[in-house]
Amino acid sequence: MKRLYLVLPVFLLFIACSDENTKEVKTAINSMNVHVVHDDDPPTGQGDIPRSKLVYKSFDQNSFTLAELCDRYKSDIEVTAPDYHDNLKNFWFSIMGDRIISEGSDEVKKYFIEEQLSLKSNLPNFERFYKLLLASPLTEEESLVASNTFYEINEKAIADLQWKSEKEEMAKRRELVYTKRTYEILIRSSK
């Protein structure tokens, strides 16, 4: 009986604090409940993307067409601060890059290749960028120039960053070299 008096309050505490009882009602994102506000969050100078950006409202990319995502991207990058401009573009490319590769028109693919080449770095999207190059309508010469440019930009970015350890830096360098080499092998073998 004493055990019951000890176990019962603990059990009731778990039930009262369970996640099911505290969940908020989530609303679906659609054009009616999304309010677009540009940069009402002041930049921190740390590269943080303000929460007002549309990228945070576009995680469920399957609820948007590729054209809608491209429009949201262009609207989102229209007004940015220098400290988070590249981060915002990288974030967007991480979200919609695979759809651009599979569904994008030649024009859209070229646009996003140029966008990625205009960045100071694109460390999270090496593989995605090279897949986009493979799917693009660029000639072999144009794509190799883009590949080399992308490689040089990111090699410099890796060298300029202060890494937690040399091991992490070397892993990122290997990833970049591997994806570029694999891309070039695929390009040359497709002749």
N, C-alpha and C. Protein backbone atom coordinates (compact mmCIF):
# COMPACT_ATOMS: atom_id res chain seq x y z
N MET A 1 0.81 -1.19 0.00
CA MET A 1 0.00 0.00 0.00
C MET A 1 0.86 1.26 0.00
N LYS A 2 1.99 1.22 0.76
CA LYS A 2 2.87 2.37 0.81
C LYS A 2 3.46 2.65 -0.58
N ARG A 3 3.76 1.58 -1.30
CA ARG A 3 4.32 1.74 -2.64
C ARG A 3 3.31 2.42 -3.56
N LEU A 4 2.07 2.07 -3.42
CA LEU A 4 1.03 2.68 -4.24
C LEU A 4 0.97 4.18 -4.01
N TYR A 5 1.10 4.60 -2.76
CA TYR A 5 1.09 6.03 -2.44
C TYR A 5 2.30 6.75 -3.03
N LEU A 6 3.41 6.05 -3.21
CA LEU A 6 4.61 6.65 -3.79
C LEU A 6 4.56 6.65 -5.32
N VAL A 7 4.07 5.60 -5.90
CA VAL A 7 4.04 5.46 -7.35
C VAL A 7 2.94 6.31 -7.97
N LEU A 8 1.80 6.39 -7.32
CA LEU A 8 0.67 7.12 -7.87
C LEU A 8 0.98 8.60 -8.12
N PRO A 9 1.59 9.35 -7.20
CA PRO A 9 1.89 10.76 -7.49
C PRO A 9 2.89 10.93 -8.64
N VAL A 10 3.87 10.04 -8.71
CA VAL A 10 4.85 10.12 -9.80
C VAL A 10 4.16 9.85 -11.13
N PHE A 11 3.31 8.86 -11.17
CA PHE A 11 2.57 8.54 -12.38
C PHE A 11 1.68 9.71 -12.82
N LEU A 12 0.99 10.32 -11.86
CA LEU A 12 0.13 11.46 -12.17
C LEU A 12 0.94 12.66 -12.64
N LEU A 13 2.13 12.84 -12.10
CA LEU A 13 3.01 13.93 -12.52
C LEU A 13 3.42 13.74 -13.99
N PHE A 14 3.76 12.52 -14.36
CA PHE A 14 4.12 12.24 -15.75
C PHE A 14 2.96 12.52 -16.70
N ILE A 15 1.78 12.14 -16.30
CA ILE A 15 0.60 12.37 -17.14
C ILE A 15 0.33 13.86 -17.28
N ALA A 16 0.41 14.58 -16.19
CA ALA A 16 0.12 16.02 -16.22
C ALA A 16 1.13 16.80 -17.06
N CYS A 17 2.36 16.35 -17.07
CA CYS A 17 3.42 17.07 -17.80
C CYS A 17 3.69 16.49 -19.18
N SER A 18 2.87 15.58 -19.62
CA SER A 18 3.13 14.96 -20.92
C SER A 18 3.02 15.97 -22.04
N ASP A 19 3.68 15.67 -23.13
CA ASP A 19 3.74 16.56 -24.29
C ASP A 19 2.37 16.71 -24.96
N GLU A 20 1.56 15.70 -24.89
CA GLU A 20 0.25 15.74 -25.55
C GLU A 20 -0.64 16.83 -24.98
N ASN A 21 -0.51 17.09 -23.69
CA ASN A 21 -1.36 18.09 -23.04
C ASN A 21 -0.90 19.51 -23.31
N THR A 22 0.31 19.68 -23.78
CA THR A 22 0.86 21.03 -23.94
C THR A 22 1.06 21.44 -25.38
N LYS A 23 0.67 20.60 -26.32
CA LYS A 23 0.88 20.93 -27.73
C LYS A 23 -0.01 22.08 -28.16
N GLU A 24 0.58 22.96 -28.96
CA GLU A 24 -0.19 24.07 -29.51
C GLU A 24 -0.81 23.64 -30.83
N VAL A 25 -1.87 24.27 -31.19
CA VAL A 25 -2.52 23.98 -32.45
C VAL A 25 -1.68 24.62 -33.56
N LYS A 26 -1.32 23.82 -34.56
CA LYS A 26 -0.52 24.33 -35.66
C LYS A 26 -1.44 24.60 -36.85
N THR A 27 -1.21 25.72 -37.51
CA THR A 27 -2.01 26.03 -38.68
C THR A 27 -1.19 25.77 -39.92
N ALA A 28 -1.84 25.37 -40.96
CA ALA A 28 -1.16 25.13 -42.23
C ALA A 28 -0.76 26.46 -42.84
N ILE A 29 0.36 26.43 -43.53
CA ILE A 29 0.82 27.66 -44.18
C ILE A 29 0.21 27.72 -45.57
N ASN A 30 -0.46 28.79 -45.83
CA ASN A 30 -0.98 29.03 -47.17
C ASN A 30 -0.91 30.52 -47.43
N SER A 31 -1.32 30.92 -48.60
CA SER A 31 -1.20 32.33 -48.96
C SER A 31 -2.08 33.23 -48.10
N MET A 32 -3.06 32.67 -47.42
CA MET A 32 -3.96 33.48 -46.61
C MET A 32 -3.39 33.79 -45.23
N ASN A 33 -2.55 32.90 -44.68
CA ASN A 33 -2.06 33.14 -43.33
C ASN A 33 -0.57 33.45 -43.25
N VAL A 34 0.07 33.73 -44.37
CA VAL A 34 1.47 34.11 -44.38
C VAL A 34 1.57 35.60 -44.60
N HIS A 35 2.14 36.27 -43.66
CA HIS A 35 2.31 37.72 -43.76
C HIS A 35 3.77 38.01 -44.07
N VAL A 36 4.04 38.67 -45.17
CA VAL A 36 5.40 38.95 -45.61
C VAL A 36 5.86 40.27 -45.01
N VAL A 37 6.92 40.21 -44.25
CA VAL A 37 7.53 41.41 -43.69
C VAL A 37 9.03 41.31 -43.94
N HIS A 38 9.61 42.32 -44.56
CA HIS A 38 11.04 42.28 -44.84
C HIS A 38 11.84 42.92 -43.72
N ASP A 39 12.73 42.16 -43.17
CA ASP A 39 13.75 42.64 -42.24
C ASP A 39 13.23 43.47 -41.08
N ASP A 40 12.19 43.00 -40.41
CA ASP A 40 11.79 43.71 -39.20
C ASP A 40 12.67 43.30 -38.02
N ASP A 41 13.42 42.19 -38.20
CA ASP A 41 14.40 41.81 -37.19
C ASP A 41 15.73 42.46 -37.56
N PRO A 42 16.30 43.25 -36.69
CA PRO A 42 17.57 43.88 -37.04
C PRO A 42 18.67 42.83 -37.15
N PRO A 43 19.59 42.98 -38.11
CA PRO A 43 20.68 42.02 -38.25
C PRO A 43 21.56 42.02 -37.00
N THR A 44 22.04 40.85 -36.65
CA THR A 44 22.87 40.72 -35.45
C THR A 44 24.34 40.92 -35.76
N GLY A 45 24.70 40.87 -37.03
CA GLY A 45 26.11 40.95 -37.38
C GLY A 45 26.81 39.61 -37.26
N GLN A 46 26.06 38.58 -36.88
CA GLN A 46 26.62 37.25 -36.68
C GLN A 46 26.30 36.31 -37.84
N GLY A 47 25.62 36.78 -38.85
CA GLY A 47 25.22 35.92 -39.96
C GLY A 47 23.89 35.23 -39.73
N ASP A 48 23.19 35.57 -38.65
CA ASP A 48 21.90 34.96 -38.35
C ASP A 48 20.84 35.49 -39.31
N ILE A 49 20.04 34.59 -39.84
CA ILE A 49 18.96 34.97 -40.74
C ILE A 49 17.76 35.39 -39.88
N PRO A 50 17.22 36.59 -40.10
CA PRO A 50 16.07 37.05 -39.31
C PRO A 50 14.88 36.10 -39.45
N ARG A 51 14.14 35.92 -38.39
CA ARG A 51 12.99 35.02 -38.38
C ARG A 51 11.85 35.50 -39.26
N SER A 52 11.92 36.72 -39.71
CA SER A 52 10.86 37.24 -40.58
C SER A 52 11.01 36.77 -42.02
N LYS A 53 12.10 36.14 -42.35
CA LYS A 53 12.35 35.72 -43.73
C LYS A 53 11.43 34.56 -44.13
N LEU A 54 11.05 34.56 -45.40
CA LEU A 54 10.14 33.53 -45.93
C LEU A 54 10.73 32.13 -45.90
N VAL A 55 12.03 32.03 -45.84
CA VAL A 55 12.65 30.71 -45.84
C VAL A 55 12.15 29.87 -44.67
N TYR A 56 11.86 30.49 -43.55
CA TYR A 56 11.36 29.76 -42.39
C TYR A 56 9.92 29.29 -42.58
N LYS A 57 9.21 29.90 -43.50
CA LYS A 57 7.83 29.51 -43.77
C LYS A 57 7.74 28.57 -44.97
N SER A 58 8.88 28.12 -45.47
CA SER A 58 8.91 27.31 -46.69
C SER A 58 9.53 25.94 -46.47
N PHE A 59 9.65 25.49 -45.22
CA PHE A 59 10.25 24.19 -44.96
C PHE A 59 9.47 23.06 -45.62
N ASP A 60 8.15 23.15 -45.60
CA ASP A 60 7.33 22.12 -46.22
C ASP A 60 7.24 22.43 -47.71
N GLN A 61 8.36 22.17 -48.39
CA GLN A 61 8.47 22.56 -49.79
C GLN A 61 7.48 21.85 -50.69
N ASN A 62 6.97 20.71 -50.28
CA ASN A 62 6.03 19.97 -51.12
C ASN A 62 4.66 20.64 -51.21
N SER A 63 4.39 21.58 -50.32
CA SER A 63 3.11 22.28 -50.39
C SER A 63 3.18 23.47 -51.34
N PHE A 64 4.33 23.68 -51.96
CA PHE A 64 4.51 24.77 -52.92
C PHE A 64 5.01 24.20 -54.25
N THR A 65 4.64 24.85 -55.34
CA THR A 65 5.22 24.48 -56.63
C THR A 65 6.62 25.04 -56.69
N LEU A 66 7.42 24.56 -57.62
CA LEU A 66 8.77 25.07 -57.77
C LEU A 66 8.75 26.55 -58.14
N ALA A 67 7.80 26.95 -58.96
CA ALA A 67 7.68 28.36 -59.34
C ALA A 67 7.38 29.23 -58.11
N GLU A 68 6.51 28.73 -57.22
CA GLU A 68 6.20 29.48 -56.00
C GLU A 68 7.43 29.58 -55.10
N LEU A 69 8.18 28.49 -55.00
CA LEU A 69 9.40 28.53 -54.19
C LEU A 69 10.41 29.51 -54.77
N CYS A 70 10.54 29.53 -56.10
CA CYS A 70 11.46 30.47 -56.74
C CYS A 70 11.03 31.91 -56.49
N ASP A 71 9.73 32.17 -56.56
CA ASP A 71 9.23 33.52 -56.27
C ASP A 71 9.51 33.90 -54.82
N ARG A 72 9.31 32.96 -53.90
CA ARG A 72 9.59 33.22 -52.49
C ARG A 72 11.09 33.50 -52.29
N TYR A 73 11.92 32.73 -52.98
CA TYR A 73 13.37 32.92 -52.89
C TYR A 73 13.75 34.33 -53.35
N LYS A 74 13.26 34.72 -54.51
CA LYS A 74 13.60 36.04 -55.06
C LYS A 74 13.08 37.15 -54.15
N SER A 75 11.91 36.98 -53.60
CA SER A 75 11.35 37.97 -52.68
C SER A 75 12.18 38.05 -51.40
N ASP A 76 12.62 36.90 -50.92
CA ASP A 76 13.37 36.84 -49.67
C ASP A 76 14.76 37.46 -49.78
N ILE A 77 15.42 37.27 -50.91
CA ILE A 77 16.79 37.78 -51.05
C ILE A 77 16.81 39.23 -51.52
N GLU A 78 15.64 39.76 -51.84
CA GLU A 78 15.54 41.13 -52.33
C GLU A 78 16.12 42.14 -51.34
N VAL A 79 15.82 41.96 -50.07
CA VAL A 79 16.30 42.87 -49.03
C VAL A 79 17.04 42.03 -47.99
N THR A 80 18.36 42.15 -47.98
CA THR A 80 19.17 41.42 -47.00
C THR A 80 20.30 42.31 -46.50
N ALA A 81 20.86 41.90 -45.39
CA ALA A 81 22.05 42.57 -44.86
C ALA A 81 23.26 41.74 -45.26
N PRO A 82 24.40 42.37 -45.44
CA PRO A 82 25.59 41.64 -45.89
C PRO A 82 26.00 40.49 -44.97
N ASP A 83 25.71 40.59 -43.67
CA ASP A 83 26.17 39.55 -42.76
C ASP A 83 25.43 38.22 -42.92
N TYR A 84 24.23 38.23 -43.45
CA TYR A 84 23.51 36.96 -43.61
C TYR A 84 23.08 36.66 -45.05
N HIS A 85 23.48 37.47 -46.00
CA HIS A 85 23.08 37.31 -47.40
C HIS A 85 23.43 35.91 -47.93
N ASP A 86 24.69 35.51 -47.78
CA ASP A 86 25.12 34.20 -48.27
C ASP A 86 24.44 33.06 -47.50
N ASN A 87 24.29 33.23 -46.20
CA ASN A 87 23.62 32.19 -45.40
C ASN A 87 22.18 31.97 -45.86
N LEU A 88 21.50 33.06 -46.18
CA LEU A 88 20.12 32.97 -46.64
C LEU A 88 20.05 32.22 -47.97
N LYS A 89 20.93 32.55 -48.90
CA LYS A 89 20.93 31.86 -50.20
C LYS A 89 21.30 30.38 -50.03
N ASN A 90 22.26 30.08 -49.17
CA ASN A 90 22.62 28.68 -48.91
C ASN A 90 21.46 27.91 -48.29
N PHE A 91 20.76 28.55 -47.37
CA PHE A 91 19.62 27.93 -46.71
C PHE A 91 18.53 27.61 -47.73
N TRP A 92 18.23 28.58 -48.58
CA TRP A 92 17.22 28.35 -49.62
C TRP A 92 17.65 27.22 -50.55
N PHE A 93 18.90 27.20 -50.95
CA PHE A 93 19.37 26.17 -51.88
C PHE A 93 19.31 24.79 -51.22
N SER A 94 19.54 24.73 -49.92
CA SER A 94 19.41 23.46 -49.20
C SER A 94 17.97 22.96 -49.22
N ILE A 95 17.03 23.88 -49.12
CA ILE A 95 15.62 23.51 -49.09
C ILE A 95 15.12 23.10 -50.48
N MET A 96 15.45 23.87 -51.50
CA MET A 96 14.83 23.63 -52.80
C MET A 96 15.77 23.11 -53.88
N GLY A 97 17.03 22.88 -53.56
CA GLY A 97 18.01 22.45 -54.55
C GLY A 97 17.64 21.15 -55.26
N ASP A 98 17.18 20.17 -54.51
CA ASP A 98 16.83 18.88 -55.13
C ASP A 98 15.65 19.02 -56.09
N ARG A 99 14.71 19.89 -55.75
CA ARG A 99 13.57 20.11 -56.66
C ARG A 99 14.01 20.86 -57.91
N ILE A 100 14.95 21.77 -57.77
CA ILE A 100 15.48 22.48 -58.94
C ILE A 100 16.13 21.48 -59.88
N ILE A 101 16.89 20.57 -59.33
CA ILE A 101 17.59 19.56 -60.13
C ILE A 101 16.59 18.68 -60.88
N SER A 102 15.56 18.22 -60.19
CA SER A 102 14.63 17.27 -60.81
C SER A 102 13.52 17.93 -61.62
N GLU A 103 13.04 19.12 -61.21
CA GLU A 103 11.88 19.72 -61.86
C GLU A 103 12.18 21.02 -62.60
N GLY A 104 13.32 21.62 -62.34
CA GLY A 104 13.60 22.95 -62.86
C GLY A 104 13.81 22.99 -64.36
N SER A 105 13.39 24.09 -64.96
CA SER A 105 13.65 24.30 -66.39
C SER A 105 15.12 24.65 -66.56
N ASP A 106 15.59 24.64 -67.80
CA ASP A 106 16.98 24.99 -68.07
C ASP A 106 17.30 26.40 -67.58
N GLU A 107 16.35 27.30 -67.75
CA GLU A 107 16.54 28.68 -67.32
C GLU A 107 16.68 28.78 -65.79
N VAL A 108 15.85 28.05 -65.08
CA VAL A 108 15.91 28.04 -63.61
C VAL A 108 17.23 27.45 -63.14
N LYS A 109 17.67 26.38 -63.76
CA LYS A 109 18.93 25.74 -63.38
C LYS A 109 20.10 26.70 -63.60
N LYS A 110 20.12 27.37 -64.74
CA LYS A 110 21.20 28.34 -65.01
C LYS A 110 21.18 29.47 -63.98
N TYR A 111 19.98 29.94 -63.66
CA TYR A 111 19.85 31.03 -62.68
C TYR A 111 20.46 30.62 -61.34
N PHE A 112 20.14 29.41 -60.88
CA PHE A 112 20.64 28.99 -59.57
C PHE A 112 22.12 28.63 -59.60
N ILE A 113 22.64 28.21 -60.73
CA ILE A 113 24.09 28.02 -60.84
C ILE A 113 24.78 29.36 -60.67
N GLU A 114 24.28 30.38 -61.36
CA GLU A 114 24.86 31.73 -61.22
C GLU A 114 24.73 32.24 -59.79
N GLU A 115 23.59 31.98 -59.17
CA GLU A 115 23.39 32.41 -57.78
C GLU A 115 24.42 31.76 -56.86
N GLN A 116 24.65 30.47 -57.04
CA GLN A 116 25.60 29.77 -56.18
C GLN A 116 27.04 30.22 -56.43
N LEU A 117 27.35 30.55 -57.67
CA LEU A 117 28.70 31.02 -57.99
C LEU A 117 28.94 32.45 -57.49
N SER A 118 27.89 33.18 -57.18
CA SER A 118 28.04 34.55 -56.69
C SER A 118 28.30 34.61 -55.18
N LEU A 119 28.21 33.47 -54.51
CA LEU A 119 28.40 33.45 -53.06
C LEU A 119 29.87 33.39 -52.67
N LYS A 120 30.16 33.82 -51.45
CA LYS A 120 31.54 33.74 -50.93
C LYS A 120 31.88 32.31 -50.51
N SER A 121 30.86 31.54 -50.19
CA SER A 121 31.05 30.12 -49.86
C SER A 121 29.72 29.41 -49.96
N ASN A 122 29.82 28.10 -50.13
CA ASN A 122 28.62 27.28 -50.15
C ASN A 122 28.97 25.93 -49.52
N LEU A 123 29.45 25.97 -48.32
CA LEU A 123 29.95 24.77 -47.66
C LEU A 123 28.91 23.67 -47.43
N PRO A 124 27.63 23.98 -47.21
CA PRO A 124 26.68 22.88 -46.98
C PRO A 124 26.16 22.20 -48.25
N ASN A 125 26.49 22.73 -49.43
CA ASN A 125 25.83 22.25 -50.64
C ASN A 125 26.77 21.79 -51.75
N PHE A 126 27.90 21.21 -51.41
CA PHE A 126 28.84 20.78 -52.45
C PHE A 126 28.18 19.80 -53.42
N GLU A 127 27.68 18.72 -52.86
CA GLU A 127 27.10 17.66 -53.69
C GLU A 127 25.90 18.15 -54.49
N ARG A 128 25.06 18.93 -53.86
CA ARG A 128 23.86 19.44 -54.53
C ARG A 128 24.24 20.35 -55.71
N PHE A 129 25.28 21.17 -55.54
CA PHE A 129 25.70 22.06 -56.62
C PHE A 129 26.21 21.24 -57.81
N TYR A 130 27.03 20.24 -57.55
CA TYR A 130 27.56 19.45 -58.65
C TYR A 130 26.47 18.62 -59.33
N LYS A 131 25.47 18.18 -58.58
CA LYS A 131 24.32 17.50 -59.20
C LYS A 131 23.56 18.47 -60.10
N LEU A 132 23.43 19.71 -59.65
CA LEU A 132 22.77 20.73 -60.47
C LEU A 132 23.56 20.96 -61.75
N LEU A 133 24.87 21.01 -61.66
CA LEU A 133 25.70 21.16 -62.87
C LEU A 133 25.48 20.00 -63.83
N LEU A 134 25.41 18.79 -63.30
CA LEU A 134 25.17 17.62 -64.16
C LEU A 134 23.82 17.70 -64.87
N ALA A 135 22.83 18.24 -64.19
CA ALA A 135 21.47 18.31 -64.75
C ALA A 135 21.27 19.55 -65.61
N SER A 136 22.25 20.43 -65.64
CA SER A 136 22.08 21.71 -66.33
C SER A 136 22.33 21.58 -67.83
N PRO A 137 21.87 22.57 -68.60
CA PRO A 137 22.06 22.54 -70.05
C PRO A 137 23.40 23.14 -70.49
N LEU A 138 24.30 23.41 -69.55
CA LEU A 138 25.58 24.02 -69.90
C LEU A 138 26.42 23.06 -70.74
N THR A 139 27.24 23.64 -71.59
CA THR A 139 28.17 22.82 -72.37
C THR A 139 29.22 22.26 -71.42
N GLU A 140 29.99 21.29 -71.89
CA GLU A 140 31.02 20.69 -71.05
C GLU A 140 32.03 21.75 -70.60
N GLU A 141 32.41 22.60 -71.52
CA GLU A 141 33.39 23.65 -71.19
C GLU A 141 32.83 24.62 -70.15
N GLU A 142 31.59 25.06 -70.35
CA GLU A 142 30.96 25.98 -69.39
C GLU A 142 30.82 25.34 -68.01
N SER A 143 30.43 24.08 -68.00
CA SER A 143 30.24 23.42 -66.71
C SER A 143 31.57 23.18 -65.99
N LEU A 144 32.63 22.91 -66.74
CA LEU A 144 33.94 22.75 -66.10
C LEU A 144 34.45 24.08 -65.54
N VAL A 145 34.18 25.17 -66.25
CA VAL A 145 34.55 26.49 -65.73
C VAL A 145 33.77 26.77 -64.44
N ALA A 146 32.47 26.49 -64.45
CA ALA A 146 31.65 26.68 -63.25
C ALA A 146 32.14 25.79 -62.11
N SER A 147 32.49 24.55 -62.43
CA SER A 147 32.99 23.62 -61.43
C SER A 147 34.28 24.14 -60.79
N ASN A 148 35.20 24.60 -61.61
CA ASN A 148 36.47 25.11 -61.10
C ASN A 148 36.27 26.38 -60.27
N THR A 149 35.39 27.26 -60.73
CA THR A 149 35.10 28.49 -59.99
C THR A 149 34.51 28.15 -58.62
N PHE A 150 33.54 27.26 -58.60
CA PHE A 150 32.91 26.83 -57.35
C PHE A 150 33.96 26.23 -56.41
N TYR A 151 34.82 25.40 -56.97
CA TYR A 151 35.87 24.76 -56.17
C TYR A 151 36.80 25.81 -55.55
N GLU A 152 37.25 26.75 -56.35
CA GLU A 152 38.18 27.79 -55.87
C GLU A 152 37.54 28.65 -54.78
N ILE A 153 36.29 29.04 -54.99
CA ILE A 153 35.58 29.85 -53.99
C ILE A 153 35.52 29.12 -52.65
N ASN A 154 35.15 27.85 -52.70
CA ASN A 154 34.97 27.10 -51.46
C ASN A 154 36.29 26.65 -50.84
N GLU A 155 37.30 26.44 -51.66
CA GLU A 155 38.63 26.13 -51.13
C GLU A 155 39.15 27.32 -50.32
N LYS A 156 38.94 28.51 -50.85
CA LYS A 156 39.35 29.73 -50.13
C LYS A 156 38.53 29.89 -48.85
N ALA A 157 37.23 29.62 -48.93
CA ALA A 157 36.37 29.73 -47.74
C ALA A 157 36.80 28.76 -46.65
N ILE A 158 37.15 27.55 -47.03
CA ILE A 158 37.62 26.56 -46.06
C ILE A 158 38.91 27.03 -45.41
N ALA A 159 39.82 27.57 -46.22
CA ALA A 159 41.10 28.05 -45.69
C ALA A 159 40.92 29.25 -44.76
N ASP A 160 39.94 30.09 -45.05
CA ASP A 160 39.73 31.31 -44.26
C ASP A 160 38.99 31.08 -42.94
N LEU A 161 38.27 29.98 -42.84
CA LEU A 161 37.50 29.71 -41.62
C LEU A 161 38.40 29.23 -40.48
N GLN A 162 37.98 29.54 -39.27
CA GLN A 162 38.67 29.01 -38.10
C GLN A 162 37.89 27.77 -37.65
N TRP A 163 38.48 26.62 -37.83
CA TRP A 163 37.82 25.35 -37.55
C TRP A 163 38.07 24.93 -36.11
N LYS A 164 37.15 24.12 -35.58
CA LYS A 164 37.32 23.61 -34.22
C LYS A 164 38.53 22.70 -34.13
N SER A 165 38.73 21.93 -35.19
CA SER A 165 39.88 21.03 -35.22
C SER A 165 40.38 20.90 -36.66
N GLU A 166 41.61 20.51 -36.76
CA GLU A 166 42.20 20.30 -38.09
C GLU A 166 41.50 19.13 -38.79
N LYS A 167 41.03 18.19 -38.01
CA LYS A 167 40.34 17.02 -38.56
C LYS A 167 39.06 17.44 -39.30
N GLU A 168 38.29 18.37 -38.72
CA GLU A 168 37.07 18.87 -39.37
C GLU A 168 37.40 19.60 -40.67
N GLU A 169 38.45 20.41 -40.62
CA GLU A 169 38.85 21.14 -41.82
C GLU A 169 39.26 20.18 -42.93
N MET A 170 40.03 19.18 -42.60
CA MET A 170 40.46 18.20 -43.60
C MET A 170 39.28 17.41 -44.15
N ALA A 171 38.32 17.10 -43.31
CA ALA A 171 37.13 16.37 -43.77
C ALA A 171 36.35 17.21 -44.78
N LYS A 172 36.24 18.51 -44.53
CA LYS A 172 35.52 19.39 -45.46
C LYS A 172 36.29 19.53 -46.77
N ARG A 173 37.61 19.63 -46.68
CA ARG A 173 38.44 19.69 -47.90
C ARG A 173 38.27 18.41 -48.73
N ARG A 174 38.30 17.27 -48.04
CA ARG A 174 38.13 15.99 -48.75
C ARG A 174 36.77 15.91 -49.43
N GLU A 175 35.74 16.38 -48.73
CA GLU A 175 34.40 16.37 -49.31
C GLU A 175 34.35 17.21 -50.59
N LEU A 176 34.96 18.39 -50.54
CA LEU A 176 34.99 19.27 -51.72
C LEU A 176 35.77 18.63 -52.86
N VAL A 177 36.94 18.11 -52.57
CA VAL A 177 37.77 17.47 -53.60
C VAL A 177 37.05 16.26 -54.19
N TYR A 178 36.46 15.46 -53.33
CA TYR A 178 35.77 14.25 -53.78
C TYR A 178 34.59 14.58 -54.70
N THR A 179 33.77 15.55 -54.32
CA THR A 179 32.61 15.88 -55.16
C THR A 179 33.04 16.47 -56.49
N LYS A 180 34.07 17.30 -56.49
CA LYS A 180 34.56 17.87 -57.76
C LYS A 180 35.13 16.78 -58.64
N ARG A 181 35.93 15.91 -58.07
CA ARG A 181 36.54 14.82 -58.84
C ARG A 181 35.47 13.88 -59.40
N THR A 182 34.50 13.53 -58.60
CA THR A 182 33.41 12.67 -59.06
C THR A 182 32.64 13.33 -60.19
N TYR A 183 32.38 14.61 -60.05
CA TYR A 183 31.68 15.35 -61.10
C TYR A 183 32.47 15.32 -62.41
N GLU A 184 33.76 15.58 -62.33
CA GLU A 184 34.59 15.61 -63.54
C GLU A 184 34.68 14.23 -64.19
N ILE A 185 34.72 13.18 -63.39
CA ILE A 185 34.72 11.82 -63.94
C ILE A 185 33.41 11.56 -64.67
N LEU A 186 32.30 11.96 -64.07
CA LEU A 186 30.99 11.76 -64.70
C LEU A 186 30.87 12.55 -66.00
N ILE A 187 31.37 13.78 -66.01
CA ILE A 187 31.32 14.61 -67.22
C ILE A 187 32.13 13.97 -68.34
N ARG A 188 33.32 13.55 -68.01
CA ARG A 188 34.21 12.97 -69.04
C ARG A 188 33.72 11.61 -69.52
N SER A 189 33.08 10.86 -68.65
CA SER A 189 32.59 9.54 -69.05
C SER A 189 31.31 9.62 -69.87
N SER A 190 30.65 10.76 -69.85
CA SER A 190 29.40 10.90 -70.61
C SER A 190 29.63 11.31 -72.05
N LYS A 191 30.88 11.47 -72.45
CA LYS A 191 31.20 11.86 -73.84
C LYS A 191 30.80 10.78 -74.83
